[in-house]
Amino acid sequence: MTPSDAQQFLSRIIESGEQTPVCLMGPPGIGKSDIVQQTADQHGMDLIDLRLAQVPPADIRGLPQIVEGISRYARPAYLPKDGVGILFLDEITNAPPAVQGLVQQLVLDRMLGEHRIGDGWRFVLAGNRREHGAAVHGMPAPVANRMIHLEVEADFDSWKRYALAHEIHPDVVGFLTFRPELMFRLDRKSLAFPSPRSWCVASRLHALDLPIDPAVGEGCAQEFGVYCAIVQDLPDLSAILAGHGDTIVFPREMSAKYAVTVGLAMRCQTEHDALAAFQWINQSAGAEWVQMFVGDCLVRLEQRGKSGQFAAMVATEPALSGFVENVLAAVFE
């Protein structure tokens, strides 16, 4: 299941009122935490993020105290009584057995000792498998059988949509659009390896003019360096966005084609920019590049509330409206 599919699944669960705990399993760095955060944001819910591998049992259970001569456990600060939200129990498979035992009661009975979690709260868990290089403690079968399990895999389209909406560096987005197979490659022999998470770090390093191999590993960093050297001499994208691209030729080198197409989409601030870029790329490049541009551009404009205006402007041009309609259908089918 892709991260986008997992988020839609989790969203439907929440909308339905279903309270069965959901467990996201998958490799490190593919966006499991982001799925939960984005789902909570989408539904206006609070989010409590508890990293179980880093929490001692006493912090899960609560500290003992004497009340009227009777030993009781204090209610943990993280355990909400009221409101609506998601209690995200991350790193469940890395948690020691003592912590997993306490989480078992919490998730299955919605209680921790005498303390009950509010009815408006849902449980979402996440973890890695042993083959993902994690130090895994097995989940007891009776516990696992009471959860909904989603196997999440790295997916370039899901990551790209996230990247376009979160100001990831255009060079990184363009490179991975050119080489999507390098987005995720688990390497147990190296501490630095490419993943959706580490490419976001690489984007920030690249923006600071720092090498990116500490984030994604030496091999990917070398290929990225070659890509950046090739695309240094791109056409003037600002001229294209301003409607002055008549004399500008679409590149012939493949990586430069990706860089120009992604670069134009990421630089569109208004529907007027998008229309000018669309007109240029439609006249200068093939249908596959136009479709890529439209899909990426709409994600960017959607974040600015401009996608409807762009579609309306394009629809006023008979020569383009039919083509755009087909492109939009392919993007959102």
C-alpha atoms as a PDB file:
ATOM      1  CA  MET A   1       0.000   0.000   0.000  1.00  0.00           C
ATOM      2  CA  THR A   2       1.335   3.443  -0.894  1.00  0.00           C
ATOM      3  CA  PRO A   3       1.517   6.208   1.737  1.00  0.00           C
ATOM      4  CA  SER A   4      -1.276   8.052  -0.097  1.00  0.00           C
ATOM      5  CA  ASP A   5      -3.483   4.952  -0.057  1.00  0.00           C
ATOM      6  CA  ALA A   6      -2.717   4.398   3.633  1.00  0.00           C
ATOM      7  CA  GLN A   7      -3.688   7.972   4.474  1.00  0.00           C
ATOM      8  CA  GLN A   8      -6.981   7.636   2.578  1.00  0.00           C
ATOM      9  CA  PHE A   9      -7.678   4.323   4.347  1.00  0.00           C
ATOM     10  CA  LEU A  10      -6.950   5.821   7.766  1.00  0.00           C
ATOM     11  CA  SER A  11      -9.090   8.855   6.953  1.00  0.00           C
ATOM     12  CA  ARG A  12     -12.049   6.634   6.029  1.00  0.00           C
ATOM     13  CA  ILE A  13     -11.639   4.700   9.297  1.00  0.00           C
ATOM     14  CA  ILE A  14     -11.797   7.923  11.287  1.00  0.00           C
ATOM     15  CA  GLU A  15     -14.782   9.266   9.340  1.00  0.00           C
ATOM     16  CA  SER A  16     -16.695   6.027   9.934  1.00  0.00           C
ATOM     17  CA  GLY A  17     -16.289   6.152  13.715  1.00  0.00           C
ATOM     18  CA  GLU A  18     -14.512   2.778  13.738  1.00  0.00           C
ATOM     19  CA  GLN A  19     -12.245   2.507  16.803  1.00  0.00           C
ATOM     20  CA  THR A  20     -10.255  -0.618  15.994  1.00  0.00           C
ATOM     21  CA  PRO A  21      -6.548   0.283  16.326  1.00  0.00           C
ATOM     22  CA  VAL A  22      -4.649   0.676  13.050  1.00  0.00           C
ATOM     23  CA  CYS A  23      -1.017  -0.448  12.758  1.00  0.00           C
ATOM     24  CA  LEU A  24       1.219   0.890   9.979  1.00  0.00           C
ATOM     25  CA  MET A  25       4.125  -1.412   9.149  1.00  0.00           C
ATOM     26  CA  GLY A  26       6.905  -0.575   6.725  1.00  0.00           C
ATOM     27  CA  PRO A  27      10.577   0.339   6.197  1.00  0.00           C
ATOM     28  CA  PRO A  28      12.112   3.327   7.987  1.00  0.00           C
ATOM     29  CA  GLY A  29      11.895   6.769   6.460  1.00  0.00           C
ATOM     30  CA  ILE A  30       8.950   6.244   4.100  1.00  0.00           C
ATOM     31  CA  GLY A  31       6.536   8.634   5.810  1.00  0.00           C
ATOM     32  CA  LYS A  32       4.512   6.616   8.320  1.00  0.00           C
ATOM     33  CA  SER A  33       4.622   9.427  10.882  1.00  0.00           C
ATOM     34  CA  ASP A  34       3.660  11.959   8.200  1.00  0.00           C
ATOM     35  CA  ILE A  35       0.623   9.836   7.281  1.00  0.00           C
ATOM     36  CA  VAL A  36      -0.657  10.096  10.845  1.00  0.00           C
ATOM     37  CA  GLN A  37       0.155  13.811  11.179  1.00  0.00           C
ATOM     38  CA  GLN A  38      -1.517  14.704   7.872  1.00  0.00           C
ATOM     39  CA  THR A  39      -4.600  12.643   8.758  1.00  0.00           C
ATOM     40  CA  ALA A  40      -4.912  14.395  12.113  1.00  0.00           C
ATOM     41  CA  ASP A  41      -4.521  17.798  10.420  1.00  0.00           C
ATOM     42  CA  GLN A  42      -7.091  16.884   7.761  1.00  0.00           C
ATOM     43  CA  HIS A  43      -9.734  16.106  10.396  1.00  0.00           C
ATOM     44  CA  GLY A  44      -8.796  18.873  12.835  1.00  0.00           C
ATOM     45  CA  MET A  45      -7.778  16.330  15.477  1.00  0.00           C
ATOM     46  CA  ASP A  46      -5.168  16.605  18.181  1.00  0.00           C
ATOM     47  CA  LEU A  47      -2.163  14.306  17.927  1.00  0.00           C
ATOM     48  CA  ILE A  48      -0.108  12.810  20.735  1.00  0.00           C
ATOM     49  CA  ASP A  49       3.067  11.178  19.391  1.00  0.00           C
ATOM     50  CA  LEU A  50       4.657   8.644  21.750  1.00  0.00           C
ATOM     51  CA  ARG A  51       7.929   6.984  20.652  1.00  0.00           C
ATOM     52  CA  LEU A  52       7.709   3.711  22.540  1.00  0.00           C
ATOM     53  CA  ALA A  53      11.329   2.640  22.020  1.00  0.00           C
ATOM     54  CA  GLN A  54      12.433   5.723  23.960  1.00  0.00           C
ATOM     55  CA  VAL A  55       9.921   5.555  26.830  1.00  0.00           C
ATOM     56  CA  PRO A  56      10.588   3.585  30.042  1.00  0.00           C
ATOM     57  CA  PRO A  57       7.732   1.452  31.439  1.00  0.00           C
ATOM     58  CA  ALA A  58       7.213   3.841  34.377  1.00  0.00           C
ATOM     59  CA  ASP A  59       6.369   6.676  31.970  1.00  0.00           C
ATOM     60  CA  ILE A  60       3.803   4.502  30.200  1.00  0.00           C
ATOM     61  CA  ARG A  61       2.184   3.144  33.366  1.00  0.00           C
ATOM     62  CA  GLY A  62       2.413   6.288  35.470  1.00  0.00           C
ATOM     63  CA  LEU A  63       4.238   6.759  38.755  1.00  0.00           C
ATOM     64  CA  PRO A  64       2.978   5.066  41.943  1.00  0.00           C
ATOM     65  CA  GLN A  65       1.586   7.250  44.698  1.00  0.00           C
ATOM     66  CA  ILE A  66      -0.086   6.739  48.075  1.00  0.00           C
ATOM     67  CA  VAL A  67      -3.664   8.051  48.267  1.00  0.00           C
ATOM     68  CA  GLU A  68      -5.404   7.635  51.652  1.00  0.00           C
ATOM     69  CA  GLY A  69      -3.058   4.823  52.521  1.00  0.00           C
ATOM     70  CA  ILE A  70      -3.654   2.982  49.239  1.00  0.00           C
ATOM     71  CA  SER A  71      -1.026   2.584  46.512  1.00  0.00           C
ATOM     72  CA  ARG A  72      -2.265   3.820  43.155  1.00  0.00           C
ATOM     73  CA  TYR A  73      -0.709   4.789  39.855  1.00  0.00           C
ATOM     74  CA  ALA A  74      -0.970   8.426  38.830  1.00  0.00           C
ATOM     75  CA  ARG A  75      -2.635   9.130  35.488  1.00  0.00           C
ATOM     76  CA  PRO A  76       0.091   9.619  32.833  1.00  0.00           C
ATOM     77  CA  ALA A  77       0.179  13.143  31.413  1.00  0.00           C
ATOM     78  CA  TYR A  78      -0.053  11.846  27.836  1.00  0.00           C
ATOM     79  CA  LEU A  79      -3.327   9.945  28.431  1.00  0.00           C
ATOM     80  CA  PRO A  80      -6.181  12.308  27.487  1.00  0.00           C
ATOM     81  CA  LYS A  81      -9.609  12.227  29.095  1.00  0.00           C
ATOM     82  CA  ASP A  82     -11.419  14.605  26.769  1.00  0.00           C
ATOM     83  CA  GLY A  83     -11.305  15.962  23.236  1.00  0.00           C
ATOM     84  CA  VAL A  84     -10.844  14.273  19.872  1.00  0.00           C
ATOM     85  CA  GLY A  85      -7.529  13.063  18.568  1.00  0.00           C
ATOM     86  CA  ILE A  86      -5.086  10.337  17.629  1.00  0.00           C
ATOM     87  CA  LEU A  87      -2.767   8.693  20.142  1.00  0.00           C
ATOM     88  CA  PHE A  88       0.124   7.632  17.913  1.00  0.00           C
ATOM     89  CA  LEU A  89       2.211   4.831  19.400  1.00  0.00           C
ATOM     90  CA  ASP A  90       5.286   4.767  17.180  1.00  0.00           C
ATOM     91  CA  GLU A  91       8.112   2.208  17.163  1.00  0.00           C
ATOM     92  CA  ILE A  92       5.863  -0.463  18.696  1.00  0.00           C
ATOM     93  CA  THR A  93       8.056  -3.305  17.395  1.00  0.00           C
ATOM     94  CA  ASN A  94      11.194  -1.691  18.835  1.00  0.00           C
ATOM     95  CA  ALA A  95       9.668  -1.276  22.286  1.00  0.00           C
ATOM     96  CA  PRO A  96      10.868  -3.700  25.007  1.00  0.00           C
ATOM     97  CA  PRO A  97       8.402  -6.408  26.115  1.00  0.00           C
ATOM     98  CA  ALA A  98       7.580  -4.589  29.363  1.00  0.00           C
ATOM     99  CA  VAL A  99       6.409  -1.534  27.422  1.00  0.00           C
ATOM    100  CA  GLN A 100       4.555  -3.662  24.859  1.00  0.00           C
ATOM    101  CA  GLY A 101       2.676  -5.370  27.700  1.00  0.00           C
ATOM    102  CA  LEU A 102       1.408  -2.047  29.024  1.00  0.00           C
ATOM    103  CA  VAL A 103       0.510  -0.861  25.529  1.00  0.00           C
ATOM    104  CA  GLN A 104      -1.433  -4.100  25.015  1.00  0.00           C
ATOM    105  CA  GLN A 105      -3.848  -3.220  27.828  1.00  0.00           C
ATOM    106  CA  LEU A 106      -4.122   0.383  26.669  1.00  0.00           C
ATOM    107  CA  VAL A 107      -4.887  -0.483  23.042  1.00  0.00           C
ATOM    108  CA  LEU A 108      -7.189  -3.435  23.654  1.00  0.00           C
ATOM    109  CA  ASP A 109      -9.106  -2.220  26.723  1.00  0.00           C
ATOM    110  CA  ARG A 110      -8.733   1.550  26.202  1.00  0.00           C
ATOM    111  CA  MET A 111      -7.567   1.661  29.805  1.00  0.00           C
ATOM    112  CA  LEU A 112      -4.316   1.828  31.698  1.00  0.00           C
ATOM    113  CA  GLY A 113      -4.955   0.405  35.129  1.00  0.00           C
ATOM    114  CA  GLU A 114      -7.928   2.414  36.403  1.00  0.00           C
ATOM    115  CA  HIS A 115      -7.446   5.267  33.954  1.00  0.00           C
ATOM    116  CA  ARG A 116      -9.533   5.304  30.769  1.00  0.00           C
ATOM    117  CA  ILE A 117      -8.708   7.179  27.576  1.00  0.00           C
ATOM    118  CA  GLY A 118     -11.379   9.540  26.224  1.00  0.00           C
ATOM    119  CA  ASP A 119     -13.892   8.081  23.766  1.00  0.00           C
ATOM    120  CA  GLY A 120     -12.942  10.650  21.123  1.00  0.00           C
ATOM    121  CA  TRP A 121      -9.412   9.271  20.790  1.00  0.00           C
ATOM    122  CA  ARG A 122      -8.200   6.678  18.251  1.00  0.00           C
ATOM    123  CA  PHE A 123      -5.106   4.513  18.395  1.00  0.00           C
ATOM    124  CA  VAL A 124      -2.632   4.333  15.526  1.00  0.00           C
ATOM    125  CA  LEU A 125       0.572   2.311  15.877  1.00  0.00           C
ATOM    126  CA  ALA A 126       3.619   2.031  13.627  1.00  0.00           C
ATOM    127  CA  GLY A 127       6.672  -0.177  13.435  1.00  0.00           C
ATOM    128  CA  ASN A 128       9.320  -1.866  11.304  1.00  0.00           C
ATOM    129  CA  ARG A 129       9.972  -5.501  10.531  1.00  0.00           C
ATOM    130  CA  ARG A 130      13.232  -7.324  11.196  1.00  0.00           C
ATOM    131  CA  GLU A 131      14.072  -7.326   7.482  1.00  0.00           C
ATOM    132  CA  HIS A 132      14.004  -3.527   7.609  1.00  0.00           C
ATOM    133  CA  GLY A 133      17.104  -3.539   9.790  1.00  0.00           C
ATOM    134  CA  ALA A 134      15.251  -2.797  13.019  1.00  0.00           C
ATOM    135  CA  ALA A 135      15.843  -4.362  16.427  1.00  0.00           C
ATOM    136  CA  VAL A 136      12.410  -5.971  16.524  1.00  0.00           C
ATOM    137  CA  HIS A 137      10.461  -7.480  19.391  1.00  0.00           C
ATOM    138  CA  GLY A 138       7.639  -9.652  18.055  1.00  0.00           C
ATOM    139  CA  MET A 139       4.048  -8.562  18.550  1.00  0.00           C
ATOM    140  CA  PRO A 140       1.948 -11.219  20.344  1.00  0.00           C
ATOM    141  CA  ALA A 141      -0.561 -12.857  18.009  1.00  0.00           C
ATOM    142  CA  PRO A 142      -3.612 -12.112  20.226  1.00  0.00           C
ATOM    143  CA  VAL A 143      -2.680  -8.417  20.139  1.00  0.00           C
ATOM    144  CA  ALA A 144      -1.944  -8.345  16.418  1.00  0.00           C
ATOM    145  CA  ASN A 145      -5.259 -10.075  15.691  1.00  0.00           C
ATOM    146  CA  ARG A 146      -7.167  -7.189  17.282  1.00  0.00           C
ATOM    147  CA  MET A 147      -5.713  -4.549  14.956  1.00  0.00           C
ATOM    148  CA  ILE A 148      -6.073  -3.415  11.365  1.00  0.00           C
ATOM    149  CA  HIS A 149      -2.666  -3.875   9.702  1.00  0.00           C
ATOM    150  CA  LEU A 150      -1.552  -1.725   6.765  1.00  0.00           C
ATOM    151  CA  GLU A 151       1.674  -2.688   4.983  1.00  0.00           C
ATOM    152  CA  VAL A 152       3.100   0.592   3.711  1.00  0.00           C
ATOM    153  CA  GLU A 153       5.755   0.766   0.985  1.00  0.00           C
ATOM    154  CA  ALA A 154       7.855   3.579  -0.416  1.00  0.00           C
ATOM    155  CA  ASP A 155       6.096   5.197  -3.379  1.00  0.00           C
ATOM    156  CA  PHE A 156       7.546   7.945  -5.545  1.00  0.00           C
ATOM    157  CA  ASP A 157       4.230   9.511  -6.608  1.00  0.00           C
ATOM    158  CA  SER A 158       3.145   9.907  -2.981  1.00  0.00           C
ATOM    159  CA  TRP A 159       6.495  11.446  -2.053  1.00  0.00           C
ATOM    160  CA  LYS A 160       6.499  13.784  -5.032  1.00  0.00           C
ATOM    161  CA  ARG A 161       3.078  15.132  -4.164  1.00  0.00           C
ATOM    162  CA  TYR A 162       4.344  15.783  -0.641  1.00  0.00           C
ATOM    163  CA  ALA A 163       7.547  17.373  -1.982  1.00  0.00           C
ATOM    164  CA  LEU A 164       5.704  19.722  -4.328  1.00  0.00           C
ATOM    165  CA  ALA A 165       3.546  20.923  -1.460  1.00  0.00           C
ATOM    166  CA  HIS A 166       6.386  21.347   1.061  1.00  0.00           C
ATOM    167  CA  GLU A 167       9.044  23.362  -0.780  1.00  0.00           C
ATOM    168  CA  ILE A 168      11.517  20.534  -1.346  1.00  0.00           C
ATOM    169  CA  HIS A 169      14.377  21.824  -3.496  1.00  0.00           C
ATOM    170  CA  PRO A 170      13.542  21.709  -7.247  1.00  0.00           C
ATOM    171  CA  ASP A 171      16.866  19.992  -8.004  1.00  0.00           C
ATOM    172  CA  VAL A 172      15.966  17.121  -5.677  1.00  0.00           C
ATOM    173  CA  VAL A 173      12.439  16.799  -7.074  1.00  0.00           C
ATOM    174  CA  GLY A 174      13.709  16.958 -10.653  1.00  0.00           C
ATOM    175  CA  PHE A 175      16.457  14.403 -10.009  1.00  0.00           C
ATOM    176  CA  LEU A 176      14.109  11.882  -8.410  1.00  0.00           C
ATOM    177  CA  THR A 177      11.535  12.407 -11.150  1.00  0.00           C
ATOM    178  CA  PHE A 178      14.377  11.468 -13.536  1.00  0.00           C
ATOM    179  CA  ARG A 179      15.590   8.585 -11.320  1.00  0.00           C
ATOM    180  CA  PRO A 180      12.611   7.508  -9.123  1.00  0.00           C
ATOM    181  CA  GLU A 181      14.251   4.157  -8.379  1.00  0.00           C
ATOM    182  CA  LEU A 182      16.749   6.040  -6.187  1.00  0.00           C
ATOM    183  CA  MET A 183      14.090   7.444  -3.873  1.00  0.00           C
ATOM    184  CA  PHE A 184      14.368   4.457  -1.522  1.00  0.00           C
ATOM    185  CA  ARG A 185      17.143   1.917  -1.259  1.00  0.00           C
ATOM    186  CA  LEU A 186      17.682   0.330   2.150  1.00  0.00           C
ATOM    187  CA  ASP A 187      21.365  -0.330   2.792  1.00  0.00           C
ATOM    188  CA  ARG A 188      22.094  -2.152   6.040  1.00  0.00           C
ATOM    189  CA  LYS A 189      25.852  -1.656   5.582  1.00  0.00           C
ATOM    190  CA  SER A 190      25.585   2.127   5.583  1.00  0.00           C
ATOM    191  CA  LEU A 191      24.069   4.512   8.098  1.00  0.00           C
ATOM    192  CA  ALA A 192      23.160   6.934   5.305  1.00  0.00           C
ATOM    193  CA  PHE A 193      20.801   5.607   2.645  1.00  0.00           C
ATOM    194  CA  PRO A 194      18.145   7.136   0.369  1.00  0.00           C
ATOM    195  CA  SER A 195      14.586   7.269   1.671  1.00  0.00           C
ATOM    196  CA  PRO A 196      11.743   9.782   1.394  1.00  0.00           C
ATOM    197  CA  ARG A 197      12.807  11.178   4.772  1.00  0.00           C
ATOM    198  CA  SER A 198      16.529  11.396   3.987  1.00  0.00           C
ATOM    199  CA  TRP A 199      15.865  13.089   0.632  1.00  0.00           C
ATOM    200  CA  CYS A 200      14.004  15.830   2.501  1.00  0.00           C
ATOM    201  CA  VAL A 201      17.133  16.269   4.620  1.00  0.00           C
ATOM    202  CA  ALA A 202      19.254  16.240   1.456  1.00  0.00           C
ATOM    203  CA  SER A 203      17.074  19.038   0.065  1.00  0.00           C
ATOM    204  CA  ARG A 204      17.946  21.254   3.035  1.00  0.00           C
ATOM    205  CA  LEU A 205      21.642  20.402   2.765  1.00  0.00           C
ATOM    206  CA  HIS A 206      21.631  21.172  -0.956  1.00  0.00           C
ATOM    207  CA  ALA A 207      19.954  24.531  -0.310  1.00  0.00           C
ATOM    208  CA  LEU A 208      22.870  25.341   2.025  1.00  0.00           C
ATOM    209  CA  ASP A 209      25.361  24.301  -0.683  1.00  0.00           C
ATOM    210  CA  LEU A 210      26.493  21.367   1.455  1.00  0.00           C
ATOM    211  CA  PRO A 211      27.171  17.817   0.217  1.00  0.00           C
ATOM    212  CA  ILE A 212      24.210  15.469   0.509  1.00  0.00           C
ATOM    213  CA  ASP A 213      26.063  12.157   0.917  1.00  0.00           C
ATOM    214  CA  PRO A 214      25.733  12.309   4.745  1.00  0.00           C
ATOM    215  CA  ALA A 215      21.974  12.024   4.211  1.00  0.00           C
ATOM    216  CA  VAL A 216      21.514   9.687   1.237  1.00  0.00           C
ATOM    217  CA  GLY A 217      24.848   7.908   0.868  1.00  0.00           C
ATOM    218  CA  GLU A 218      27.774   8.330  -1.465  1.00  0.00           C
ATOM    219  CA  GLY A 219      26.361   6.555  -4.529  1.00  0.00           C
ATOM    220  CA  CYS A 220      23.172   8.614  -4.758  1.00  0.00           C
ATOM    221  CA  ALA A 221      25.080  11.803  -3.965  1.00  0.00           C
ATOM    222  CA  GLN A 222      27.443  11.206  -6.880  1.00  0.00           C
ATOM    223  CA  GLU A 223      24.582  10.693  -9.322  1.00  0.00           C
ATOM    224  CA  PHE A 224      22.838  13.779  -7.975  1.00  0.00           C
ATOM    225  CA  GLY A 225      26.030  15.790  -8.496  1.00  0.00           C
ATOM    226  CA  VAL A 226      26.226  14.698 -12.140  1.00  0.00           C
ATOM    227  CA  TYR A 227      22.577  15.665 -12.627  1.00  0.00           C
ATOM    228  CA  CYS A 228      23.115  19.111 -11.112  1.00  0.00           C
ATOM    229  CA  ALA A 229      26.125  19.705 -13.365  1.00  0.00           C
ATOM    230  CA  ILE A 230      24.080  18.842 -16.465  1.00  0.00           C
ATOM    231  CA  VAL A 231      21.114  21.059 -15.597  1.00  0.00           C
ATOM    232  CA  GLN A 232      23.157  24.151 -14.718  1.00  0.00           C
ATOM    233  CA  ASP A 233      22.610  25.554 -18.204  1.00  0.00           C
ATOM    234  CA  LEU A 234      18.822  25.409 -18.244  1.00  0.00           C
ATOM    235  CA  PRO A 235      16.699  27.822 -20.261  1.00  0.00           C
ATOM    236  CA  ASP A 236      15.543  31.023 -18.558  1.00  0.00           C
ATOM    237  CA  LEU A 237      12.486  29.713 -16.721  1.00  0.00           C
ATOM    238  CA  SER A 238      11.489  33.171 -15.480  1.00  0.00           C
ATOM    239  CA  ALA A 239      11.182  34.344 -19.091  1.00  0.00           C
ATOM    240  CA  ILE A 240       8.910  31.412 -19.890  1.00  0.00           C
ATOM    241  CA  LEU A 241       6.703  32.143 -16.871  1.00  0.00           C
ATOM    242  CA  ALA A 242       6.486  35.779 -17.990  1.00  0.00           C
ATOM    243  CA  GLY A 243       5.219  34.697 -21.420  1.00  0.00           C
ATOM    244  CA  HIS A 244       8.482  35.415 -23.265  1.00  0.00           C
ATOM    245  CA  GLY A 245       9.483  31.891 -24.191  1.00  0.00           C
ATOM    246  CA  ASP A 246       8.932  32.085 -27.955  1.00  0.00           C
ATOM    247  CA  THR A 247      12.637  31.750 -28.774  1.00  0.00           C
ATOM    248  CA  ILE A 248      13.443  29.248 -25.997  1.00  0.00           C
ATOM    249  CA  VAL A 249      13.890  25.633 -27.103  1.00  0.00           C
ATOM    250  CA  PHE A 250      12.902  22.631 -25.011  1.00  0.00           C
ATOM    251  CA  PRO A 251      16.118  20.782 -23.972  1.00  0.00           C
ATOM    252  CA  ARG A 252      17.325  17.696 -25.784  1.00  0.00           C
ATOM    253  CA  GLU A 253      19.186  16.065 -22.888  1.00  0.00           C
ATOM    254  CA  MET A 254      16.848  13.806 -20.914  1.00  0.00           C
ATOM    255  CA  SER A 255      17.767  14.955 -17.388  1.00  0.00           C
ATOM    256  CA  ALA A 256      17.440  18.593 -18.482  1.00  0.00           C
ATOM    257  CA  LYS A 257      13.931  17.854 -19.792  1.00  0.00           C
ATOM    258  CA  TYR A 258      12.938  16.630 -16.340  1.00  0.00           C
ATOM    259  CA  ALA A 259      14.604  19.608 -14.691  1.00  0.00           C
ATOM    260  CA  VAL A 260      12.803  22.155 -16.898  1.00  0.00           C
ATOM    261  CA  THR A 261       9.396  20.495 -16.554  1.00  0.00           C
ATOM    262  CA  VAL A 262       9.584  20.133 -12.775  1.00  0.00           C
ATOM    263  CA  GLY A 263      11.298  23.513 -12.398  1.00  0.00           C
ATOM    264  CA  LEU A 264       8.514  25.337 -14.217  1.00  0.00           C
ATOM    265  CA  ALA A 265       5.829  23.669 -12.099  1.00  0.00           C
ATOM    266  CA  MET A 266       7.618  24.502  -8.852  1.00  0.00           C
ATOM    267  CA  ARG A 267       8.142  28.141  -9.814  1.00  0.00           C
ATOM    268  CA  CYS A 268       4.478  28.802 -10.646  1.00  0.00           C
ATOM    269  CA  GLN A 269       3.118  31.280  -8.109  1.00  0.00           C
ATOM    270  CA  THR A 270      -0.119  32.232  -9.888  1.00  0.00           C
ATOM    271  CA  GLU A 271      -2.499  30.840 -12.471  1.00  0.00           C
ATOM    272  CA  HIS A 272      -1.015  33.332 -14.975  1.00  0.00           C
ATOM    273  CA  ASP A 273       2.449  31.808 -14.500  1.00  0.00           C
ATOM    274  CA  ALA A 274       0.963  28.356 -14.966  1.00  0.00           C
ATOM    275  CA  LEU A 275      -0.871  29.282 -18.142  1.00  0.00           C
ATOM    276  CA  ALA A 276       2.227  30.871 -19.701  1.00  0.00           C
ATOM    277  CA  ALA A 277       4.312  27.813 -18.836  1.00  0.00           C
ATOM    278  CA  PHE A 278       1.592  25.503 -20.121  1.00  0.00           C
ATOM    279  CA  GLN A 279       1.415  27.302 -23.452  1.00  0.00           C
ATOM    280  CA  TRP A 280       5.189  27.141 -23.880  1.00  0.00           C
ATOM    281  CA  ILE A 281       5.607  23.485 -22.950  1.00  0.00           C
ATOM    282  CA  ASN A 282       2.575  22.452 -25.008  1.00  0.00           C
ATOM    283  CA  GLN A 283       4.135  24.067 -28.082  1.00  0.00           C
ATOM    284  CA  SER A 284       7.691  22.919 -27.367  1.00  0.00           C
ATOM    285  CA  ALA A 285       7.462  19.399 -25.921  1.00  0.00           C
ATOM    286  CA  GLY A 286       5.583  16.138 -26.240  1.00  0.00           C
ATOM    287  CA  ALA A 287       2.401  15.114 -24.455  1.00  0.00           C
ATOM    288  CA  GLU A 288       4.197  13.208 -21.676  1.00  0.00           C
ATOM    289  CA  TRP A 289       6.010  16.374 -20.577  1.00  0.00           C
ATOM    290  CA  VAL A 290       2.818  18.428 -20.711  1.00  0.00           C
ATOM    291  CA  GLN A 291       1.016  15.874 -18.578  1.00  0.00           C
ATOM    292  CA  MET A 292       3.847  15.826 -16.037  1.00  0.00           C
ATOM    293  CA  PHE A 293       3.827  19.623 -15.876  1.00  0.00           C
ATOM    294  CA  VAL A 294       0.064  19.876 -15.391  1.00  0.00           C
ATOM    295  CA  GLY A 295       0.005  17.251 -12.642  1.00  0.00           C
ATOM    296  CA  ASP A 296       2.873  18.865 -10.735  1.00  0.00           C
ATOM    297  CA  CYS A 297       1.621  22.387 -11.296  1.00  0.00           C
ATOM    298  CA  LEU A 298      -1.858  21.632  -9.984  1.00  0.00           C
ATOM    299  CA  VAL A 299      -0.398  20.280  -6.747  1.00  0.00           C
ATOM    300  CA  ARG A 300       1.533  23.522  -6.296  1.00  0.00           C
ATOM    301  CA  LEU A 301      -1.414  25.769  -7.193  1.00  0.00           C
ATOM    302  CA  GLU A 302      -3.758  23.756  -4.995  1.00  0.00           C
ATOM    303  CA  GLN A 303      -1.648  24.755  -2.002  1.00  0.00           C
ATOM    304  CA  ARG A 304      -2.191  28.410  -2.950  1.00  0.00           C
ATOM    305  CA  GLY A 305      -5.898  28.048  -3.744  1.00  0.00           C
ATOM    306  CA  LYS A 306      -5.253  28.722  -7.432  1.00  0.00           C
ATOM    307  CA  SER A 307      -5.975  25.407  -9.178  1.00  0.00           C
ATOM    308  CA  GLY A 308      -9.562  26.360 -10.038  1.00  0.00           C
ATOM    309  CA  GLN A 309      -8.485  29.664 -11.581  1.00  0.00           C
ATOM    310  CA  PHE A 310      -5.859  27.892 -13.680  1.00  0.00           C
ATOM    311  CA  ALA A 311      -8.362  25.349 -14.990  1.00  0.00           C
ATOM    312  CA  ALA A 312     -10.812  28.158 -15.808  1.00  0.00           C
ATOM    313  CA  MET A 313      -8.180  30.142 -17.710  1.00  0.00           C
ATOM    314  CA  VAL A 314      -7.107  27.140 -19.765  1.00  0.00           C
ATOM    315  CA  ALA A 315     -10.719  26.244 -20.530  1.00  0.00           C
ATOM    316  CA  THR A 316     -11.137  29.604 -22.296  1.00  0.00           C
ATOM    317  CA  GLU A 317      -8.680  28.528 -25.013  1.00  0.00           C
ATOM    318  CA  PRO A 318     -10.339  26.052 -27.384  1.00  0.00           C
ATOM    319  CA  ALA A 319      -7.018  24.852 -28.777  1.00  0.00           C
ATOM    320  CA  LEU A 320      -5.907  23.705 -25.331  1.00  0.00           C
ATOM    321  CA  SER A 321      -9.052  22.886 -23.362  1.00  0.00           C
ATOM    322  CA  GLY A 322      -9.607  19.411 -24.817  1.00  0.00           C
ATOM    323  CA  PHE A 323      -6.016  18.408 -24.230  1.00  0.00           C
ATOM    324  CA  VAL A 324      -6.032  19.750 -20.665  1.00  0.00           C
ATOM    325  CA  GLU A 325      -9.259  17.886 -19.901  1.00  0.00           C
ATOM    326  CA  ASN A 326      -7.579  14.628 -20.931  1.00  0.00           C
ATOM    327  CA  VAL A 327      -4.508  15.442 -18.870  1.00  0.00           C
ATOM    328  CA  LEU A 328      -6.538  16.233 -15.763  1.00  0.00           C
ATOM    329  CA  ALA A 329      -8.484  12.986 -16.145  1.00  0.00           C
ATOM    330  CA  ALA A 330      -5.217  11.033 -16.336  1.00  0.00           C
ATOM    331  CA  VAL A 331      -3.767  12.803 -13.311  1.00  0.00           C
ATOM    332  CA  PHE A 332      -6.782  12.341 -11.018  1.00  0.00           C
ATOM    333  CA  GLU A 333      -8.287   9.064 -12.224  1.00  0.00           C
END
